[in-house]
C-alpha atoms as a PDB file:
ATOM      1  CA  MET A   1       8.792 -28.474 -26.174  1.00  0.00           C
ATOM      2  CA  GLY A   2      12.882 -29.148 -26.103  1.00  0.00           C
ATOM      3  CA  ASP A   3      14.041 -29.016 -22.641  1.00  0.00           C
ATOM      4  CA  SER A   4      13.028 -31.275 -19.913  1.00  0.00           C
ATOM      5  CA  LEU A   5      10.787 -30.406 -16.843  1.00  0.00           C
ATOM      6  CA  GLU A   6      14.263 -30.073 -14.701  1.00  0.00           C
ATOM      7  CA  GLU A   7      16.043 -28.330 -17.275  1.00  0.00           C
ATOM      8  CA  ALA A   8      13.267 -25.707 -17.822  1.00  0.00           C
ATOM      9  CA  LEU A   9      12.982 -25.615 -14.256  1.00  0.00           C
ATOM     10  CA  ALA A  10      16.783 -24.231 -13.736  1.00  0.00           C
ATOM     11  CA  ALA A  11      16.245 -21.917 -16.348  1.00  0.00           C
ATOM     12  CA  VAL A  12      13.586 -20.138 -14.745  1.00  0.00           C
ATOM     13  CA  LYS A  13      15.543 -20.519 -11.230  1.00  0.00           C
ATOM     14  CA  SER A  14      18.869 -18.698 -12.722  1.00  0.00           C
ATOM     15  CA  THR A  15      16.872 -15.230 -12.810  1.00  0.00           C
ATOM     16  CA  THR A  16      14.107 -15.523 -10.408  1.00  0.00           C
ATOM     17  CA  VAL A  17      13.453 -14.542  -7.279  1.00  0.00           C
ATOM     18  CA  PHE A  18      10.068 -14.123  -5.480  1.00  0.00           C
ATOM     19  CA  THR A  19       8.962 -11.430  -3.177  1.00  0.00           C
ATOM     20  CA  THR A  20       6.022 -13.038  -1.216  1.00  0.00           C
ATOM     21  CA  HIS A  21       3.263 -10.221   0.288  1.00  0.00           C
ATOM     22  CA  THR A  22      -0.013 -10.765   2.544  1.00  0.00           C
ATOM     23  CA  PRO A  23       0.956 -13.503   5.327  1.00  0.00           C
ATOM     24  CA  VAL A  24      -3.050 -14.210   5.748  1.00  0.00           C
ATOM     25  CA  PRO A  25      -5.123 -16.506   3.143  1.00  0.00           C
ATOM     26  CA  ALA A  26      -6.844 -14.174   0.912  1.00  0.00           C
ATOM     27  CA  GLY A  27      -3.529 -12.730  -0.090  1.00  0.00           C
ATOM     28  CA  ASN A  28      -1.998 -16.531  -0.902  1.00  0.00           C
ATOM     29  CA  GLU A  29      -4.126 -18.037  -3.932  1.00  0.00           C
ATOM     30  CA  THR A  30      -5.078 -21.633  -3.404  1.00  0.00           C
ATOM     31  CA  PHE A  31      -7.194 -23.588  -5.816  1.00  0.00           C
ATOM     32  CA  ASP A  32      -8.643 -27.157  -5.921  1.00  0.00           C
ATOM     33  CA  ARG A  33      -6.121 -29.879  -7.441  1.00  0.00           C
ATOM     34  CA  LYS A  34      -8.397 -31.459  -9.217  1.00  0.00           C
ATOM     35  CA  LEU A  35     -10.001 -28.390 -11.060  1.00  0.00           C
ATOM     36  CA  VAL A  36      -6.456 -27.098 -11.856  1.00  0.00           C
ATOM     37  CA  ARG A  37      -5.601 -30.096 -13.803  1.00  0.00           C
ATOM     38  CA  LYS A  38      -9.034 -30.605 -14.965  1.00  0.00           C
ATOM     39  CA  TYR A  39      -7.698 -27.032 -16.975  1.00  0.00           C
ATOM     40  CA  LEU A  40      -4.436 -27.382 -17.550  1.00  0.00           C
ATOM     41  CA  GLU A  41      -3.901 -30.424 -18.380  1.00  0.00           C
ATOM     42  CA  PRO A  42      -3.615 -30.248 -22.145  1.00  0.00           C
ATOM     43  CA  TRP A  43      -1.502 -27.504 -22.207  1.00  0.00           C
ATOM     44  CA  ILE A  44       0.670 -29.202 -19.834  1.00  0.00           C
ATOM     45  CA  ARG A  45       0.906 -32.199 -21.885  1.00  0.00           C
ATOM     46  CA  ASP A  46       1.259 -30.072 -24.859  1.00  0.00           C
ATOM     47  CA  VAL A  47       4.897 -28.950 -23.426  1.00  0.00           C
ATOM     48  CA  GLY A  48       6.152 -31.879 -22.712  1.00  0.00           C
ATOM     49  CA  CYS A  49       5.440 -32.710 -19.242  1.00  0.00           C
ATOM     50  CA  GLU A  50       3.625 -34.794 -17.082  1.00  0.00           C
ATOM     51  CA  PRO A  51       0.687 -33.455 -14.957  1.00  0.00           C
ATOM     52  CA  ASP A  52       1.084 -34.615 -11.938  1.00  0.00           C
ATOM     53  CA  GLU A  53       4.954 -33.154 -11.467  1.00  0.00           C
ATOM     54  CA  ALA A  54       3.459 -29.841 -12.810  1.00  0.00           C
ATOM     55  CA  LEU A  55       0.899 -30.129 -10.161  1.00  0.00           C
ATOM     56  CA  ALA A  56       3.304 -31.206  -7.876  1.00  0.00           C
ATOM     57  CA  LEU A  57       5.239 -27.942  -7.787  1.00  0.00           C
ATOM     58  CA  GLY A  58       2.262 -25.952  -6.234  1.00  0.00           C
ATOM     59  CA  ALA A  59       1.233 -29.013  -4.016  1.00  0.00           C
ATOM     60  CA  ASP A  60       0.967 -27.818  -0.190  1.00  0.00           C
ATOM     61  CA  ASN A  61      -1.955 -29.357   2.206  1.00  0.00           C
ATOM     62  CA  GLY A  62      -3.676 -31.279  -1.036  1.00  0.00           C
ATOM     63  CA  ASN A  63      -4.566 -28.173  -2.763  1.00  0.00           C
ATOM     64  CA  PHE A  64      -2.300 -26.110  -5.467  1.00  0.00           C
ATOM     65  CA  ASN A  65      -1.084 -22.763  -3.753  1.00  0.00           C
ATOM     66  CA  MET A  66       0.605 -20.353  -5.863  1.00  0.00           C
ATOM     67  CA  THR A  67       2.601 -18.991  -3.322  1.00  0.00           C
ATOM     68  CA  ALA A  68       4.035 -22.434  -3.218  1.00  0.00           C
ATOM     69  CA  PHE A  69       4.549 -22.625  -6.990  1.00  0.00           C
ATOM     70  CA  SER A  70       6.412 -19.480  -6.840  1.00  0.00           C
ATOM     71  CA  ILE A  71       8.814 -20.624  -4.178  1.00  0.00           C
ATOM     72  CA  ARG A  72       9.592 -23.555  -5.359  1.00  0.00           C
ATOM     73  CA  LEU A  73      10.661 -21.805  -8.870  1.00  0.00           C
ATOM     74  CA  ALA A  74      12.175 -19.295  -7.762  1.00  0.00           C
ATOM     75  CA  ALA A  75      16.277 -19.162  -6.703  1.00  0.00           C
ATOM     76  CA  GLY A  76      15.135 -16.820  -3.498  1.00  0.00           C
ATOM     77  CA  THR A  77      12.174 -15.832  -1.696  1.00  0.00           C
ATOM     78  CA  ASN A  78      12.277 -12.799   0.115  1.00  0.00           C
ATOM     79  CA  GLY A  79       9.698 -10.613   2.512  1.00  0.00           C
ATOM     80  CA  VAL A  80       9.013  -7.111   2.126  1.00  0.00           C
ATOM     81  CA  SER A  81      10.266  -6.393   5.771  1.00  0.00           C
ATOM     82  CA  GLN A  82      12.600  -7.965   8.153  1.00  0.00           C
ATOM     83  CA  ILE A  83       9.418  -8.855  10.499  1.00  0.00           C
ATOM     84  CA  HIS A  84       7.663  -9.965   7.204  1.00  0.00           C
ATOM     85  CA  GLY A  85      10.579 -11.634   6.554  1.00  0.00           C
ATOM     86  CA  GLN A  86      10.810 -13.874   9.744  1.00  0.00           C
ATOM     87  CA  ILE A  87       6.785 -13.833   9.736  1.00  0.00           C
ATOM     88  CA  SER A  88       6.669 -15.478   6.279  1.00  0.00           C
ATOM     89  CA  SER A  89       9.664 -17.917   6.848  1.00  0.00           C
ATOM     90  CA  ALA A  90       7.500 -19.558   9.749  1.00  0.00           C
ATOM     91  CA  MET A  91       4.683 -19.537   7.305  1.00  0.00           C
ATOM     92  CA  TRP A  92       6.386 -21.324   4.599  1.00  0.00           C
ATOM     93  CA  ARG A  93       9.649 -23.166   5.726  1.00  0.00           C
ATOM     94  CA  HIS A  94       7.926 -27.108   5.284  1.00  0.00           C
ATOM     95  CA  LEU A  95       8.921 -26.071   1.580  1.00  0.00           C
ATOM     96  CA  PHE A  96      12.624 -25.755   2.124  1.00  0.00           C
ATOM     97  CA  PRO A  97      13.798 -29.112   2.708  1.00  0.00           C
ATOM     98  CA  ASP A  98      17.324 -28.057   3.583  1.00  0.00           C
ATOM     99  CA  GLY A  99      16.003 -26.739   6.869  1.00  0.00           C
ATOM    100  CA  ALA A 100      17.525 -23.436   7.103  1.00  0.00           C
ATOM    101  CA  ALA A 101      16.168 -20.788  10.425  1.00  0.00           C
ATOM    102  CA  GLU A 102      14.791 -17.723   8.376  1.00  0.00           C
ATOM    103  CA  PRO A 103      14.266 -19.524   4.723  1.00  0.00           C
ATOM    104  CA  VAL A 104      12.637 -16.300   3.313  1.00  0.00           C
ATOM    105  CA  GLY A 105      14.761 -13.237   3.861  1.00  0.00           C
ATOM    106  CA  TYR A 106      13.713  -9.853   3.350  1.00  0.00           C
ATOM    107  CA  VAL A 107      13.972  -6.399   1.473  1.00  0.00           C
ATOM    108  CA  THR A 108      13.259  -2.882   2.439  1.00  0.00           C
ATOM    109  CA  ASN A 109      10.358  -1.512  -0.194  1.00  0.00           C
ATOM    110  CA  GLY A 110      11.892   1.503  -2.145  1.00  0.00           C
ATOM    111  CA  VAL A 111       9.895   3.823  -4.073  1.00  0.00           C
ATOM    112  CA  HIS A 112      10.542   5.468  -7.477  1.00  0.00           C
ATOM    113  CA  THR A 113      11.137   8.548  -6.885  1.00  0.00           C
ATOM    114  CA  ALA A 114      10.573  10.369 -10.008  1.00  0.00           C
ATOM    115  CA  SER A 115       7.254   9.040  -9.854  1.00  0.00           C
ATOM    116  CA  TRP A 116       5.454  10.272  -6.632  1.00  0.00           C
ATOM    117  CA  VAL A 117       7.242  13.972  -5.756  1.00  0.00           C
ATOM    118  CA  GLY A 118       5.437  16.715  -7.794  1.00  0.00           C
ATOM    119  CA  PRO A 119       6.029  19.297 -10.156  1.00  0.00           C
ATOM    120  CA  GLU A 120       6.400  21.849  -7.152  1.00  0.00           C
ATOM    121  CA  MET A 121       8.406  20.014  -4.964  1.00  0.00           C
ATOM    122  CA  ARG A 122      11.104  19.094  -8.166  1.00  0.00           C
ATOM    123  CA  THR A 123      11.500  22.983  -8.968  1.00  0.00           C
ATOM    124  CA  PHE A 124      12.287  23.438  -5.082  1.00  0.00           C
ATOM    125  CA  TYR A 125      14.787  20.608  -5.167  1.00  0.00           C
ATOM    126  CA  GLY A 126      16.317  21.600  -8.188  1.00  0.00           C
ATOM    127  CA  GLN A 127      16.650  25.383  -6.881  1.00  0.00           C
ATOM    128  CA  HIS A 128      17.657  24.997  -3.537  1.00  0.00           C
ATOM    129  CA  ILE A 129      19.456  21.276  -3.187  1.00  0.00           C
ATOM    130  CA  ASP A 130      21.128  20.626  -6.567  1.00  0.00           C
ATOM    131  CA  PRO A 131      19.759  21.057 -10.164  1.00  0.00           C
ATOM    132  CA  ALA A 132      20.811  16.947 -10.078  1.00  0.00           C
ATOM    133  CA  TRP A 133      18.915  15.978  -7.515  1.00  0.00           C
ATOM    134  CA  GLU A 134      17.278  12.348  -8.308  1.00  0.00           C
ATOM    135  CA  GLN A 135      21.050  11.798  -8.308  1.00  0.00           C
ATOM    136  CA  ARG A 136      22.114  12.838  -5.105  1.00  0.00           C
ATOM    137  CA  LEU A 137      19.293  10.568  -3.316  1.00  0.00           C
ATOM    138  CA  LEU A 138      21.624   8.601  -1.242  1.00  0.00           C
ATOM    139  CA  GLU A 139      24.134  11.554  -0.219  1.00  0.00           C
ATOM    140  CA  PRO A 140      22.863  13.207   3.267  1.00  0.00           C
ATOM    141  CA  GLU A 141      25.265  15.915   3.220  1.00  0.00           C
ATOM    142  CA  ALA A 142      23.017  17.183  -0.063  1.00  0.00           C
ATOM    143  CA  TRP A 143      19.480  17.542   1.600  1.00  0.00           C
ATOM    144  CA  GLN A 144      21.503  19.534   4.856  1.00  0.00           C
ATOM    145  CA  LYS A 145      20.857  22.372   2.159  1.00  0.00           C
ATOM    146  CA  VAL A 146      17.150  22.381   2.683  1.00  0.00           C
ATOM    147  CA  ARG A 147      18.205  23.721   5.617  1.00  0.00           C
ATOM    148  CA  GLU A 148      19.061  26.830   4.260  1.00  0.00           C
ATOM    149  CA  ALA A 149      16.556  27.136   1.759  1.00  0.00           C
ATOM    150  CA  PRO A 150      13.932  29.361   2.540  1.00  0.00           C
ATOM    151  CA  ASP A 151      10.427  28.462   4.333  1.00  0.00           C
ATOM    152  CA  ALA A 152       8.513  30.610   2.107  1.00  0.00           C
ATOM    153  CA  ALA A 153       9.787  28.752  -0.840  1.00  0.00           C
ATOM    154  CA  LEU A 154       9.178  25.500   0.713  1.00  0.00           C
ATOM    155  CA  TRP A 155       6.241  26.371   2.314  1.00  0.00           C
ATOM    156  CA  ALA A 156       4.843  27.632  -0.805  1.00  0.00           C
ATOM    157  CA  ALA A 157       5.920  24.566  -2.935  1.00  0.00           C
ATOM    158  CA  HIS A 158       4.274  22.144  -0.772  1.00  0.00           C
ATOM    159  CA  ARG A 159       0.900  24.748  -0.885  1.00  0.00           C
ATOM    160  CA  ALA A 160       0.551  24.795  -4.408  1.00  0.00           C
ATOM    161  CA  GLN A 161       0.768  20.626  -4.313  1.00  0.00           C
ATOM    162  CA  LYS A 162      -1.939  20.704  -1.502  1.00  0.00           C
ATOM    163  CA  GLU A 163      -4.278  23.025  -3.538  1.00  0.00           C
ATOM    164  CA  ARG A 164      -4.382  20.610  -6.188  1.00  0.00           C
ATOM    165  CA  LEU A 165      -5.033  17.812  -4.138  1.00  0.00           C
ATOM    166  CA  ILE A 166      -7.838  19.693  -3.312  1.00  0.00           C
ATOM    167  CA  ARG A 167      -9.356  20.269  -6.115  1.00  0.00           C
ATOM    168  CA  PHE A 168      -8.638  16.498  -7.521  1.00  0.00           C
ATOM    169  CA  VAL A 169     -10.861  15.407  -4.558  1.00  0.00           C
ATOM    170  CA  ARG A 170     -12.970  17.755  -5.088  1.00  0.00           C
ATOM    171  CA  GLU A 171     -13.991  16.097  -9.187  1.00  0.00           C
ATOM    172  CA  ARG A 172     -13.505  12.821  -7.319  1.00  0.00           C
ATOM    173  CA  VAL A 173     -16.105  13.062  -4.685  1.00  0.00           C
ATOM    174  CA  ARG A 174     -18.491  14.981  -6.699  1.00  0.00           C
ATOM    175  CA  VAL A 175     -18.190  11.743  -9.790  1.00  0.00           C
ATOM    176  CA  GLN A 176     -18.778   9.118  -6.918  1.00  0.00           C
ATOM    177  CA  SER A 177     -21.358  11.218  -5.030  1.00  0.00           C
ATOM    178  CA  ALA A 178     -23.450  11.230  -8.977  1.00  0.00           C
ATOM    179  CA  ARG A 179     -23.572   7.908  -9.056  1.00  0.00           C
ATOM    180  CA  HIS A 180     -24.582   7.138  -5.232  1.00  0.00           C
ATOM    181  CA  GLY A 181     -27.025   9.494  -6.377  1.00  0.00           C
ATOM    182  CA  LEU A 182     -26.906  12.731  -4.062  1.00  0.00           C
ATOM    183  CA  SER A 183     -29.216  15.672  -5.130  1.00  0.00           C
ATOM    184  CA  PRO A 184     -28.265  18.651  -7.151  1.00  0.00           C
ATOM    185  CA  ASP A 185     -27.909  20.983  -3.670  1.00  0.00           C
ATOM    186  CA  GLU A 186     -25.825  17.809  -1.977  1.00  0.00           C
ATOM    187  CA  LEU A 187     -23.350  17.933  -5.115  1.00  0.00           C
ATOM    188  CA  ARG A 188     -23.501  21.972  -5.298  1.00  0.00           C
ATOM    189  CA  GLN A 189     -21.694  20.968  -1.398  1.00  0.00           C
ATOM    190  CA  VAL A 190     -19.244  19.118  -2.549  1.00  0.00           C
ATOM    191  CA  GLU A 191     -17.845  22.597  -4.517  1.00  0.00           C
ATOM    192  CA  ALA A 192     -16.457  23.850  -0.582  1.00  0.00           C
ATOM    193  CA  LEU A 193     -15.588  20.217   0.718  1.00  0.00           C
ATOM    194  CA  LEU A 194     -12.394  20.680   2.471  1.00  0.00           C
ATOM    195  CA  ASP A 195      -9.907  23.110   4.103  1.00  0.00           C
ATOM    196  CA  PRO A 196      -7.511  24.508   2.324  1.00  0.00           C
ATOM    197  CA  HIS A 197      -5.993  25.982   5.923  1.00  0.00           C
ATOM    198  CA  ALA A 198      -6.689  22.378   7.964  1.00  0.00           C
ATOM    199  CA  LEU A 199      -4.093  20.244   8.345  1.00  0.00           C
ATOM    200  CA  THR A 200      -4.815  17.151   6.191  1.00  0.00           C
ATOM    201  CA  VAL A 201      -3.865  13.670   7.202  1.00  0.00           C
ATOM    202  CA  GLY A 202      -3.814  11.228   4.304  1.00  0.00           C
ATOM    203  CA  PHE A 203      -3.726   7.486   4.854  1.00  0.00           C
ATOM    204  CA  ALA A 204      -3.997   5.301   1.598  1.00  0.00           C
ATOM    205  CA  ARG A 205      -3.444   1.207   1.999  1.00  0.00           C
ATOM    206  CA  ARG A 206      -4.690  -1.969   1.096  1.00  0.00           C
ATOM    207  CA  PHE A 207      -7.648  -3.016   4.275  1.00  0.00           C
ATOM    208  CA  ALA A 208      -6.692  -5.652   5.769  1.00  0.00           C
ATOM    209  CA  THR A 209      -7.238  -6.150   8.944  1.00  0.00           C
ATOM    210  CA  TYR A 210      -4.124  -6.637  10.197  1.00  0.00           C
ATOM    211  CA  LYS A 211      -2.887  -2.948   8.861  1.00  0.00           C
ATOM    212  CA  ARG A 212      -5.439  -1.858  11.463  1.00  0.00           C
ATOM    213  CA  ALA A 213      -7.257   1.215   9.403  1.00  0.00           C
ATOM    214  CA  PHE A 214     -10.021   0.468  11.702  1.00  0.00           C
ATOM    215  CA  LEU A 215      -7.874   2.413  14.776  1.00  0.00           C
ATOM    216  CA  ILE A 216      -8.922   5.844  14.148  1.00  0.00           C
ATOM    217  CA  MET A 217     -12.677   4.036  14.575  1.00  0.00           C
ATOM    218  CA  SER A 218     -11.673   3.281  17.934  1.00  0.00           C
ATOM    219  CA  ASP A 219     -11.789   6.125  20.131  1.00  0.00           C
ATOM    220  CA  LEU A 220     -14.985   8.503  18.316  1.00  0.00           C
ATOM    221  CA  ASP A 221     -14.756  10.575  21.147  1.00  0.00           C
ATOM    222  CA  ARG A 222     -10.960  11.466  20.426  1.00  0.00           C
ATOM    223  CA  LEU A 223     -11.273  11.924  16.786  1.00  0.00           C
ATOM    224  CA  ARG A 224     -14.684  14.217  17.542  1.00  0.00           C
ATOM    225  CA  ALA A 225     -11.939  16.704  19.217  1.00  0.00           C
ATOM    226  CA  ILE A 226      -9.439  16.331  16.817  1.00  0.00           C
ATOM    227  CA  VAL A 227     -11.496  17.383  14.018  1.00  0.00           C
ATOM    228  CA  SER A 228     -13.943  19.865  15.314  1.00  0.00           C
ATOM    229  CA  ASP A 229     -10.973  21.895  17.289  1.00  0.00           C
ATOM    230  CA  PRO A 230     -11.631  25.190  15.607  1.00  0.00           C
ATOM    231  CA  ALA A 231      -8.511  26.540  16.430  1.00  0.00           C
ATOM    232  CA  ARG A 232      -6.498  23.637  15.383  1.00  0.00           C
ATOM    233  CA  PRO A 233      -8.576  22.109  12.528  1.00  0.00           C
ATOM    234  CA  VAL A 234      -7.706  18.558  10.801  1.00  0.00           C
ATOM    235  CA  GLN A 235      -9.302  16.383   8.253  1.00  0.00           C
ATOM    236  CA  PHE A 236      -8.772  12.602   7.023  1.00  0.00           C
ATOM    237  CA  LEU A 237      -8.584  11.535   3.442  1.00  0.00           C
ATOM    238  CA  PHE A 238      -9.311   7.731   3.305  1.00  0.00           C
ATOM    239  CA  ALA A 239      -8.142   6.033  -0.154  1.00  0.00           C
ATOM    240  CA  GLY A 240      -7.671   1.979  -0.580  1.00  0.00           C
ATOM    241  CA  LYS A 241      -9.547  -1.440  -1.188  1.00  0.00           C
ATOM    242  CA  ALA A 242      -9.808  -4.906   0.549  1.00  0.00           C
ATOM    243  CA  HIS A 243      -8.918  -7.588  -1.665  1.00  0.00           C
ATOM    244  CA  PRO A 244     -12.183  -9.635  -3.288  1.00  0.00           C
ATOM    245  CA  ALA A 245     -12.466 -12.068  -0.650  1.00  0.00           C
ATOM    246  CA  ASP A 246     -11.772 -10.521   2.419  1.00  0.00           C
ATOM    247  CA  ARG A 247     -15.141 -10.179   4.465  1.00  0.00           C
ATOM    248  CA  GLU A 248     -13.333  -8.415   7.667  1.00  0.00           C
ATOM    249  CA  GLY A 249     -10.769  -6.109   5.285  1.00  0.00           C
ATOM    250  CA  GLN A 250     -14.544  -5.113   3.067  1.00  0.00           C
ATOM    251  CA  GLU A 251     -16.371  -4.736   7.100  1.00  0.00           C
ATOM    252  CA  VAL A 252     -13.569  -2.312   7.489  1.00  0.00           C
ATOM    253  CA  VAL A 253     -14.260  -0.505   4.822  1.00  0.00           C
ATOM    254  CA  ARG A 254     -17.438   0.035   4.625  1.00  0.00           C
ATOM    255  CA  ARG A 255     -17.348   1.190   8.441  1.00  0.00           C
ATOM    256  CA  LEU A 256     -15.133   3.863   7.472  1.00  0.00           C
ATOM    257  CA  PHE A 257     -17.600   5.408   4.498  1.00  0.00           C
ATOM    258  CA  SER A 258     -20.527   5.107   6.439  1.00  0.00           C
ATOM    259  CA  LEU A 259     -18.588   7.645   9.112  1.00  0.00           C
ATOM    260  CA  THR A 260     -17.881   9.946   6.017  1.00  0.00           C
ATOM    261  CA  HIS A 261     -21.070  10.088   5.619  1.00  0.00           C
ATOM    262  CA  GLY A 262     -22.836  10.226   8.417  1.00  0.00           C
ATOM    263  CA  GLU A 263     -21.266  13.246  11.577  1.00  0.00           C
ATOM    264  CA  PHE A 264     -17.483  13.516  10.297  1.00  0.00           C
ATOM    265  CA  ARG A 265     -18.954  14.334   6.825  1.00  0.00           C
ATOM    266  CA  GLY A 266     -16.374  17.028   5.335  1.00  0.00           C
ATOM    267  CA  LYS A 267     -13.844  15.951   8.021  1.00  0.00           C
ATOM    268  CA  LEU A 268     -13.404  12.394   6.450  1.00  0.00           C
ATOM    269  CA  VAL A 269     -13.142  11.543   2.881  1.00  0.00           C
ATOM    270  CA  PHE A 270     -13.143   8.488   1.559  1.00  0.00           C
ATOM    271  CA  LEU A 271     -12.151   8.398  -2.125  1.00  0.00           C
ATOM    272  CA  GLU A 272     -13.466   5.262  -3.819  1.00  0.00           C
ATOM    273  CA  ASP A 273     -11.430   3.609  -7.302  1.00  0.00           C
ATOM    274  CA  TYR A 274      -8.201   3.705  -5.080  1.00  0.00           C
ATOM    275  CA  ASP A 275      -5.226   3.640  -8.150  1.00  0.00           C
ATOM    276  CA  ILE A 276      -1.950   5.161  -8.627  1.00  0.00           C
ATOM    277  CA  GLU A 277      -3.329   8.247  -9.914  1.00  0.00           C
ATOM    278  CA  VAL A 278      -5.216   8.810  -6.058  1.00  0.00           C
ATOM    279  CA  GLY A 279      -2.389   7.496  -4.520  1.00  0.00           C
ATOM    280  CA  ARG A 280       0.359  10.381  -6.000  1.00  0.00           C
ATOM    281  CA  ALA A 281      -2.019  13.468  -5.481  1.00  0.00           C
ATOM    282  CA  LEU A 282      -2.362  12.205  -1.847  1.00  0.00           C
ATOM    283  CA  VAL A 283       1.129  11.432  -1.110  1.00  0.00           C
ATOM    284  CA  GLN A 284       1.834  14.740  -3.266  1.00  0.00           C
ATOM    285  CA  GLY A 285      -0.709  17.424  -1.226  1.00  0.00           C
ATOM    286  CA  CYS A 286      -0.697  15.946   1.786  1.00  0.00           C
ATOM    287  CA  ASP A 287       0.339  17.226   5.092  1.00  0.00           C
ATOM    288  CA  VAL A 288       1.183  14.206   7.365  1.00  0.00           C
ATOM    289  CA  TRP A 289       1.059  10.911   6.219  1.00  0.00           C
ATOM    290  CA  LEU A 290      -0.476   8.034   8.373  1.00  0.00           C
ATOM    291  CA  ASN A 291       0.508   4.717   9.094  1.00  0.00           C
ATOM    292  CA  THR A 292      -1.111   2.505  11.682  1.00  0.00           C
ATOM    293  CA  PRO A 293       1.329   0.363  12.772  1.00  0.00           C
ATOM    294  CA  ASP A 294       1.598  -3.532  11.475  1.00  0.00           C
ATOM    295  CA  GLY A 295      -0.694  -5.856  13.916  1.00  0.00           C
ATOM    296  CA  ARG A 296       1.152  -8.931  12.684  1.00  0.00           C
ATOM    297  CA  ARG A 297       3.787  -8.424  15.534  1.00  0.00           C
ATOM    298  CA  ARG A 298       3.662  -5.789  18.530  1.00  0.00           C
ATOM    299  CA  ARG A 299       6.739  -4.433  19.766  1.00  0.00           C
ATOM    300  CA  ALA A 300       7.827  -1.639  21.337  1.00  0.00           C
ATOM    301  CA  ALA A 301       8.219   1.750  20.328  1.00  0.00           C
ATOM    302  CA  PRO A 302      12.575   2.810  20.426  1.00  0.00           C
ATOM    303  CA  PRO A 303      12.591   5.848  22.943  1.00  0.00           C
ATOM    304  CA  GLY A 304      11.667   8.902  20.601  1.00  0.00           C
ATOM    305  CA  ARG A 305       9.350   7.475  18.293  1.00  0.00           C
ATOM    306  CA  ARG A 306       5.661   7.400  18.404  1.00  0.00           C
ATOM    307  CA  SER A 307       2.867   5.471  17.526  1.00  0.00           C
ATOM    308  CA  PRO A 308       0.980   5.648  15.001  1.00  0.00           C
ATOM    309  CA  SER A 309       4.087   7.048  12.723  1.00  0.00           C
ATOM    310  CA  THR A 310       3.710   9.469  10.898  1.00  0.00           C
ATOM    311  CA  ALA A 311       5.664  11.451   7.952  1.00  0.00           C
ATOM    312  CA  GLY A 312       5.465  14.500   5.946  1.00  0.00           C
ATOM    313  CA  SER A 313       4.352  14.429   2.316  1.00  0.00           C
ATOM    314  CA  THR A 314       6.866  14.452  -0.904  1.00  0.00           C
END
């Protein structure tokens, strides 16, 4: 009570920027307008607002859309990449009365370095880059020192993190396997899961279909050859979740999970209950991080860039 709706909206907008994410229906929650009114009208009236005015803030195609609501309450809206900003602009342009060609801007996702760099790599950076390396993340000249560091020191730091990842994976798989009813003999086999000397490829993200996790399953003969080469052993670690309303994404998880329990057992491993702890362990310990390019818009890769793209672990 106190401020008018216009004053309240102005106060919210003055401190709010909205970041939109998934450009698929499952990622933009929509509710029946009558249902929203049923549950929120008492509260809306209690704060001194007319229900129709409040519900209009989320109006989109006759329903109450949370993304539309957020756009209208923010001073600005952005996507999480240049392409995402362009796609989101096309999706939501009808909510911007000024007719701007690209009403949704973009930012490039960053990372909180301190949360993701492993302890051994921290020590390595402190010894061979700068004791205050966290303050020099954006100074290319500081990171040139890594070329002067002993290869053995870098490899030892990475190996320590990889070995910790393998212990972590074995424990997680043992617990999830027991939950699925595996026999004691099968549970004992988990103690030998993963080869510390094999190239370990990590893949963890939300299993929306446009993120194309299914590409790994598109050529099983090729996958079989990759993971079966005794001279160059390769193993894959997968983790992630599908939105509860995304049936296609859930089907990708099901298909992938079935592969990990068939002929690819031990070569493909799926970690359930994906969370930040799993993500941190994978990022720190994997040899290579796999990223299947976003399928929402296909572009030719720049010269020298291969697809799918890969990057080393942290």
